[in-house]
PDB file of all heavy atoms in Angstrom:
ATOM      1  N   ASN A   1     -15.153 -81.850   6.048  1.00  0.00           N
ATOM      2  CA  ASN A   1     -14.586 -80.520   6.257  1.00  0.00           C
ATOM      3  C   ASN A   1     -14.038 -79.912   4.979  1.00  0.00           C
ATOM      4  O   ASN A   1     -13.399 -78.871   5.016  1.00  0.00           O
ATOM      5  CB  ASN A   1     -13.467 -80.586   7.303  1.00  0.00           C
ATOM      6  CG  ASN A   1     -13.992 -81.045   8.637  1.00  0.00           C
ATOM      7  OD1 ASN A   1     -15.057 -80.625   9.059  1.00  0.00           O
ATOM      8  ND2 ASN A   1     -13.269 -81.920   9.285  1.00  0.00           N
ATOM      9  N   SER A   2     -14.265 -80.555   3.868  1.00  0.00           N
ATOM     10  CA  SER A   2     -13.752 -80.081   2.596  1.00  0.00           C
ATOM     11  C   SER A   2     -14.842 -80.176   1.545  1.00  0.00           C
ATOM     12  O   SER A   2     -15.625 -81.115   1.546  1.00  0.00           O
ATOM     13  CB  SER A   2     -12.542 -80.929   2.179  1.00  0.00           C
ATOM     14  OG  SER A   2     -12.064 -80.526   0.926  1.00  0.00           O
ATOM     15  N   SER A   3     -14.873 -79.197   0.652  1.00  0.00           N
ATOM     16  CA  SER A   3     -15.861 -79.200  -0.423  1.00  0.00           C
ATOM     17  C   SER A   3     -15.163 -78.999  -1.752  1.00  0.00           C
ATOM     18  O   SER A   3     -14.180 -78.285  -1.841  1.00  0.00           O
ATOM     19  CB  SER A   3     -16.871 -78.068  -0.233  1.00  0.00           C
ATOM     20  OG  SER A   3     -17.582 -78.244   0.964  1.00  0.00           O
ATOM     21  N   SER A   4     -15.702 -79.619  -2.769  1.00  0.00           N
ATOM     22  CA  SER A   4     -15.202 -79.445  -4.127  1.00  0.00           C
ATOM     23  C   SER A   4     -16.331 -78.915  -4.990  1.00  0.00           C
ATOM     24  O   SER A   4     -17.443 -79.438  -4.957  1.00  0.00           O
ATOM     25  CB  SER A   4     -14.716 -80.775  -4.700  1.00  0.00           C
ATOM     26  OG  SER A   4     -13.624 -81.265  -3.985  1.00  0.00           O
ATOM     27  N   TYR A   5     -16.026 -77.870  -5.755  1.00  0.00           N
ATOM     28  CA  TYR A   5     -17.005 -77.260  -6.624  1.00  0.00           C
ATOM     29  C   TYR A   5     -16.604 -77.505  -8.074  1.00  0.00           C
ATOM     30  O   TYR A   5     -15.501 -77.147  -8.472  1.00  0.00           O
ATOM     31  CB  TYR A   5     -17.106 -75.758  -6.369  1.00  0.00           C
ATOM     32  CG  TYR A   5     -17.727 -75.446  -5.041  1.00  0.00           C
ATOM     33  CD1 TYR A   5     -16.977 -75.484  -3.868  1.00  0.00           C
ATOM     34  CD2 TYR A   5     -19.071 -75.132  -4.950  1.00  0.00           C
ATOM     35  CE1 TYR A   5     -17.547 -75.210  -2.647  1.00  0.00           C
ATOM     36  CE2 TYR A   5     -19.651 -74.853  -3.729  1.00  0.00           C
ATOM     37  CZ  TYR A   5     -18.890 -74.889  -2.586  1.00  0.00           C
ATOM     38  OH  TYR A   5     -19.463 -74.626  -1.386  1.00  0.00           O
ATOM     39  N   PRO A   6     -17.476 -78.125  -8.861  1.00  0.00           N
ATOM     40  CA  PRO A   6     -17.159 -78.344 -10.275  1.00  0.00           C
ATOM     41  C   PRO A   6     -16.951 -77.008 -10.996  1.00  0.00           C
ATOM     42  O   PRO A   6     -17.659 -76.035 -10.732  1.00  0.00           O
ATOM     43  CB  PRO A   6     -18.392 -79.056 -10.821  1.00  0.00           C
ATOM     44  CG  PRO A   6     -19.062 -79.639  -9.622  1.00  0.00           C
ATOM     45  CD  PRO A   6     -18.761 -78.698  -8.493  1.00  0.00           C
ATOM     46  N   VAL A   7     -15.962 -76.982 -11.863  1.00  0.00           N
ATOM     47  CA  VAL A   7     -15.688 -75.790 -12.663  1.00  0.00           C
ATOM     48  C   VAL A   7     -15.641 -76.172 -14.136  1.00  0.00           C
ATOM     49  O   VAL A   7     -15.354 -77.315 -14.478  1.00  0.00           O
ATOM     50  CB  VAL A   7     -14.358 -75.106 -12.271  1.00  0.00           C
ATOM     51  CG1 VAL A   7     -14.381 -74.625 -10.840  1.00  0.00           C
ATOM     52  CG2 VAL A   7     -13.184 -76.018 -12.508  1.00  0.00           C
ATOM     53  N   LEU A   8     -15.931 -75.214 -14.970  1.00  0.00           N
ATOM     54  CA  LEU A   8     -15.805 -75.374 -16.408  1.00  0.00           C
ATOM     55  C   LEU A   8     -14.717 -74.404 -16.848  1.00  0.00           C
ATOM     56  O   LEU A   8     -14.734 -73.230 -16.469  1.00  0.00           O
ATOM     57  CB  LEU A   8     -17.122 -75.037 -17.095  1.00  0.00           C
ATOM     58  CG  LEU A   8     -17.167 -75.182 -18.609  1.00  0.00           C
ATOM     59  CD1 LEU A   8     -16.911 -76.641 -19.021  1.00  0.00           C
ATOM     60  CD2 LEU A   8     -18.507 -74.717 -19.137  1.00  0.00           C
ATOM     61  N   ALA A   9     -13.741 -74.914 -17.611  1.00  0.00           N
ATOM     62  CA  ALA A   9     -12.636 -74.070 -18.046  1.00  0.00           C
ATOM     63  C   ALA A   9     -12.387 -74.266 -19.529  1.00  0.00           C
ATOM     64  O   ALA A   9     -12.557 -75.365 -20.064  1.00  0.00           O
ATOM     65  CB  ALA A   9     -11.374 -74.405 -17.258  1.00  0.00           C
ATOM     66  N   GLN A  10     -11.980 -73.209 -20.173  1.00  0.00           N
ATOM     67  CA  GLN A  10     -11.634 -73.240 -21.591  1.00  0.00           C
ATOM     68  C   GLN A  10     -10.119 -73.356 -21.701  1.00  0.00           C
ATOM     69  O   GLN A  10      -9.390 -72.479 -21.255  1.00  0.00           O
ATOM     70  CB  GLN A  10     -12.112 -71.965 -22.283  1.00  0.00           C
ATOM     71  CG  GLN A  10     -11.767 -71.880 -23.746  1.00  0.00           C
ATOM     72  CD  GLN A  10     -12.533 -72.881 -24.582  1.00  0.00           C
ATOM     73  OE1 GLN A  10     -13.723 -73.088 -24.379  1.00  0.00           O
ATOM     74  NE2 GLN A  10     -11.859 -73.509 -25.509  1.00  0.00           N
ATOM     75  N   ILE A  11      -9.639 -74.479 -22.271  1.00  0.00           N
ATOM     76  CA  ILE A  11      -8.204 -74.705 -22.440  1.00  0.00           C
ATOM     77  C   ILE A  11      -7.741 -73.930 -23.667  1.00  0.00           C
ATOM     78  O   ILE A  11      -8.305 -74.064 -24.746  1.00  0.00           O
ATOM     79  CB  ILE A  11      -7.898 -76.207 -22.591  1.00  0.00           C
ATOM     80  CG1 ILE A  11      -8.326 -76.952 -21.324  1.00  0.00           C
ATOM     81  CG2 ILE A  11      -6.418 -76.429 -22.881  1.00  0.00           C
ATOM     82  CD1 ILE A  11      -8.235 -78.450 -21.437  1.00  0.00           C
ATOM     83  N   GLU A  12      -6.701 -73.119 -23.478  1.00  0.00           N
ATOM     84  CA  GLU A  12      -6.229 -72.267 -24.569  1.00  0.00           C
ATOM     85  C   GLU A  12      -5.585 -73.068 -25.695  1.00  0.00           C
ATOM     86  O   GLU A  12      -5.817 -72.796 -26.863  1.00  0.00           O
ATOM     87  CB  GLU A  12      -5.267 -71.216 -24.025  1.00  0.00           C
ATOM     88  CG  GLU A  12      -5.961 -70.225 -23.110  1.00  0.00           C
ATOM     89  CD  GLU A  12      -5.027 -69.223 -22.486  1.00  0.00           C
ATOM     90  OE1 GLU A  12      -3.863 -69.117 -22.904  1.00  0.00           O
ATOM     91  OE2 GLU A  12      -5.477 -68.523 -21.566  1.00  0.00           O
ATOM     92  N   ASP A  13      -4.749 -74.058 -25.378  1.00  0.00           N
ATOM     93  CA  ASP A  13      -4.093 -74.874 -26.403  1.00  0.00           C
ATOM     94  C   ASP A  13      -4.118 -76.327 -25.941  1.00  0.00           C
ATOM     95  O   ASP A  13      -3.277 -76.746 -25.155  1.00  0.00           O
ATOM     96  CB  ASP A  13      -2.658 -74.407 -26.620  1.00  0.00           C
ATOM     97  CG  ASP A  13      -1.929 -75.221 -27.679  1.00  0.00           C
ATOM     98  OD1 ASP A  13      -2.578 -76.021 -28.395  1.00  0.00           O
ATOM     99  OD2 ASP A  13      -0.699 -75.066 -27.792  1.00  0.00           O
ATOM    100  N   PRO A  14      -5.082 -77.132 -26.414  1.00  0.00           N
ATOM    101  CA  PRO A  14      -5.224 -78.507 -25.934  1.00  0.00           C
ATOM    102  C   PRO A  14      -4.249 -79.501 -26.556  1.00  0.00           C
ATOM    103  O   PRO A  14      -4.301 -80.683 -26.250  1.00  0.00           O
ATOM    104  CB  PRO A  14      -6.662 -78.852 -26.303  1.00  0.00           C
ATOM    105  CG  PRO A  14      -6.961 -78.012 -27.488  1.00  0.00           C
ATOM    106  CD  PRO A  14      -6.177 -76.740 -27.296  1.00  0.00           C
ATOM    107  N   SER A  15      -3.351 -79.054 -27.409  1.00  0.00           N
ATOM    108  CA  SER A  15      -2.417 -79.998 -28.024  1.00  0.00           C
ATOM    109  C   SER A  15      -1.549 -80.637 -26.942  1.00  0.00           C
ATOM    110  O   SER A  15      -1.134 -79.987 -25.991  1.00  0.00           O
ATOM    111  CB  SER A  15      -1.546 -79.302 -29.078  1.00  0.00           C
ATOM    112  OG  SER A  15      -0.777 -78.286 -28.478  1.00  0.00           O
ATOM    113  N   GLY A  16      -1.294 -81.919 -27.088  1.00  0.00           N
ATOM    114  CA  GLY A  16      -0.509 -82.647 -26.102  1.00  0.00           C
ATOM    115  C   GLY A  16      -1.341 -83.234 -24.974  1.00  0.00           C
ATOM    116  O   GLY A  16      -0.810 -83.906 -24.093  1.00  0.00           O
ATOM    117  N   LEU A  17      -2.645 -83.008 -24.980  1.00  0.00           N
ATOM    118  CA  LEU A  17      -3.538 -83.560 -23.962  1.00  0.00           C
ATOM    119  C   LEU A  17      -4.346 -84.698 -24.565  1.00  0.00           C
ATOM    120  O   LEU A  17      -4.663 -84.686 -25.749  1.00  0.00           O
ATOM    121  CB  LEU A  17      -4.484 -82.489 -23.426  1.00  0.00           C
ATOM    122  CG  LEU A  17      -3.826 -81.288 -22.751  1.00  0.00           C
ATOM    123  CD1 LEU A  17      -4.877 -80.259 -22.384  1.00  0.00           C
ATOM    124  CD2 LEU A  17      -3.057 -81.715 -21.525  1.00  0.00           C
ATOM    125  N   VAL A  18      -4.674 -85.673 -23.723  1.00  0.00           N
ATOM    126  CA  VAL A  18      -5.517 -86.774 -24.172  1.00  0.00           C
ATOM    127  C   VAL A  18      -6.818 -86.747 -23.361  1.00  0.00           C
ATOM    128  O   VAL A  18      -6.833 -86.274 -22.229  1.00  0.00           O
ATOM    129  CB  VAL A  18      -4.808 -88.150 -24.011  1.00  0.00           C
ATOM    130  CG1 VAL A  18      -3.605 -88.234 -24.919  1.00  0.00           C
ATOM    131  CG2 VAL A  18      -4.397 -88.395 -22.584  1.00  0.00           C
ATOM    132  N   PRO A  19      -7.922 -87.248 -23.934  1.00  0.00           N
ATOM    133  CA  PRO A  19      -9.196 -87.226 -23.213  1.00  0.00           C
ATOM    134  C   PRO A  19      -9.114 -87.966 -21.862  1.00  0.00           C
ATOM    135  O   PRO A  19      -8.461 -88.999 -21.752  1.00  0.00           O
ATOM    136  CB  PRO A  19     -10.158 -87.942 -24.160  1.00  0.00           C
ATOM    137  CG  PRO A  19      -9.546 -87.768 -25.511  1.00  0.00           C
ATOM    138  CD  PRO A  19      -8.066 -87.777 -25.283  1.00  0.00           C
ATOM    139  N   TYR A  20      -9.745 -87.406 -20.865  1.00  0.00           N
ATOM    140  CA  TYR A  20      -9.922 -87.975 -19.526  1.00  0.00           C
ATOM    141  C   TYR A  20      -8.642 -88.072 -18.697  1.00  0.00           C
ATOM    142  O   TYR A  20      -8.613 -88.740 -17.681  1.00  0.00           O
ATOM    143  CB  TYR A  20     -10.611 -89.349 -19.594  1.00  0.00           C
ATOM    144  CG  TYR A  20     -11.929 -89.290 -20.316  1.00  0.00           C
ATOM    145  CD1 TYR A  20     -12.063 -89.815 -21.584  1.00  0.00           C
ATOM    146  CD2 TYR A  20     -13.025 -88.665 -19.727  1.00  0.00           C
ATOM    147  CE1 TYR A  20     -13.266 -89.745 -22.266  1.00  0.00           C
ATOM    148  CE2 TYR A  20     -14.224 -88.590 -20.395  1.00  0.00           C
ATOM    149  CZ  TYR A  20     -14.342 -89.132 -21.656  1.00  0.00           C
ATOM    150  OH  TYR A  20     -15.535 -89.055 -22.316  1.00  0.00           O
ATOM    151  N   GLU A  21      -7.562 -87.438 -19.116  1.00  0.00           N
ATOM    152  CA  GLU A  21      -6.382 -87.475 -18.257  1.00  0.00           C
ATOM    153  C   GLU A  21      -6.599 -86.510 -17.105  1.00  0.00           C
ATOM    154  O   GLU A  21      -7.346 -85.553 -17.193  1.00  0.00           O
ATOM    155  CB  GLU A  21      -5.106 -87.159 -19.034  1.00  0.00           C
ATOM    156  CG  GLU A  21      -4.934 -85.729 -19.493  1.00  0.00           C
ATOM    157  CD  GLU A  21      -3.618 -85.545 -20.232  1.00  0.00           C
ATOM    158  OE1 GLU A  21      -2.570 -85.875 -19.671  1.00  0.00           O
ATOM    159  OE2 GLU A  21      -3.666 -85.079 -21.380  1.00  0.00           O
ATOM    160  N   MET A  22      -5.954 -86.787 -15.995  1.00  0.00           N
ATOM    161  CA  MET A  22      -6.107 -85.969 -14.804  1.00  0.00           C
ATOM    162  C   MET A  22      -5.008 -84.919 -14.771  1.00  0.00           C
ATOM    163  O   MET A  22      -3.918 -85.128 -15.285  1.00  0.00           O
ATOM    164  CB  MET A  22      -6.064 -86.836 -13.562  1.00  0.00           C
ATOM    165  CG  MET A  22      -7.223 -87.837 -13.537  1.00  0.00           C
ATOM    166  SD  MET A  22      -7.254 -88.840 -12.061  1.00  0.00           S
ATOM    167  CE  MET A  22      -7.747 -87.646 -10.875  1.00  0.00           C
ATOM    168  N   ALA A  23      -5.330 -83.790 -14.123  1.00  0.00           N
ATOM    169  CA  ALA A  23      -4.372 -82.697 -14.065  1.00  0.00           C
ATOM    170  C   ALA A  23      -4.446 -82.026 -12.702  1.00  0.00           C
ATOM    171  O   ALA A  23      -5.478 -82.029 -12.037  1.00  0.00           O
ATOM    172  CB  ALA A  23      -4.660 -81.682 -15.155  1.00  0.00           C
ATOM    173  N   GLU A  24      -3.325 -81.478 -12.299  1.00  0.00           N
ATOM    174  CA  GLU A  24      -3.267 -80.638 -11.100  1.00  0.00           C
ATOM    175  C   GLU A  24      -3.452 -79.205 -11.566  1.00  0.00           C
ATOM    176  O   GLU A  24      -2.764 -78.755 -12.480  1.00  0.00           O
ATOM    177  CB  GLU A  24      -1.927 -80.791 -10.401  1.00  0.00           C
ATOM    178  CG  GLU A  24      -1.777 -79.881  -9.198  1.00  0.00           C
ATOM    179  CD  GLU A  24      -0.426 -80.030  -8.530  1.00  0.00           C
ATOM    180  OE1 GLU A  24       0.320 -80.963  -8.863  1.00  0.00           O
ATOM    181  OE2 GLU A  24      -0.120 -79.198  -7.671  1.00  0.00           O
ATOM    182  N   VAL A  25      -4.394 -78.493 -10.960  1.00  0.00           N
ATOM    183  CA  VAL A  25      -4.716 -77.140 -11.397  1.00  0.00           C
ATOM    184  C   VAL A  25      -4.351 -76.145 -10.298  1.00  0.00           C
ATOM    185  O   VAL A  25      -4.668 -76.349  -9.134  1.00  0.00           O
ATOM    186  CB  VAL A  25      -6.221 -77.018 -11.731  1.00  0.00           C
ATOM    187  CG1 VAL A  25      -6.578 -75.604 -12.134  1.00  0.00           C
ATOM    188  CG2 VAL A  25      -6.605 -78.010 -12.818  1.00  0.00           C
ATOM    189  N   LYS A  26      -3.688 -75.080 -10.696  1.00  0.00           N
ATOM    190  CA  LYS A  26      -3.371 -73.973  -9.787  1.00  0.00           C
ATOM    191  C   LYS A  26      -3.941 -72.713 -10.411  1.00  0.00           C
ATOM    192  O   LYS A  26      -3.831 -72.513 -11.615  1.00  0.00           O
ATOM    193  CB  LYS A  26      -1.864 -73.834  -9.613  1.00  0.00           C
ATOM    194  CG  LYS A  26      -1.246 -75.019  -8.914  1.00  0.00           C
ATOM    195  CD  LYS A  26       0.227 -74.817  -8.725  1.00  0.00           C
ATOM    196  CE  LYS A  26       0.796 -76.060  -8.041  1.00  0.00           C
ATOM    197  NZ  LYS A  26       2.229 -75.946  -7.835  1.00  0.00           N
TER     198      LYS A  26
END
């Protein structure tokens, strides 16, 4: 009953992020 659609997003400032970490997106 639920679907997930892959999205591509451009991160404005990636500083402080590490590769492959998970995030909650709103």
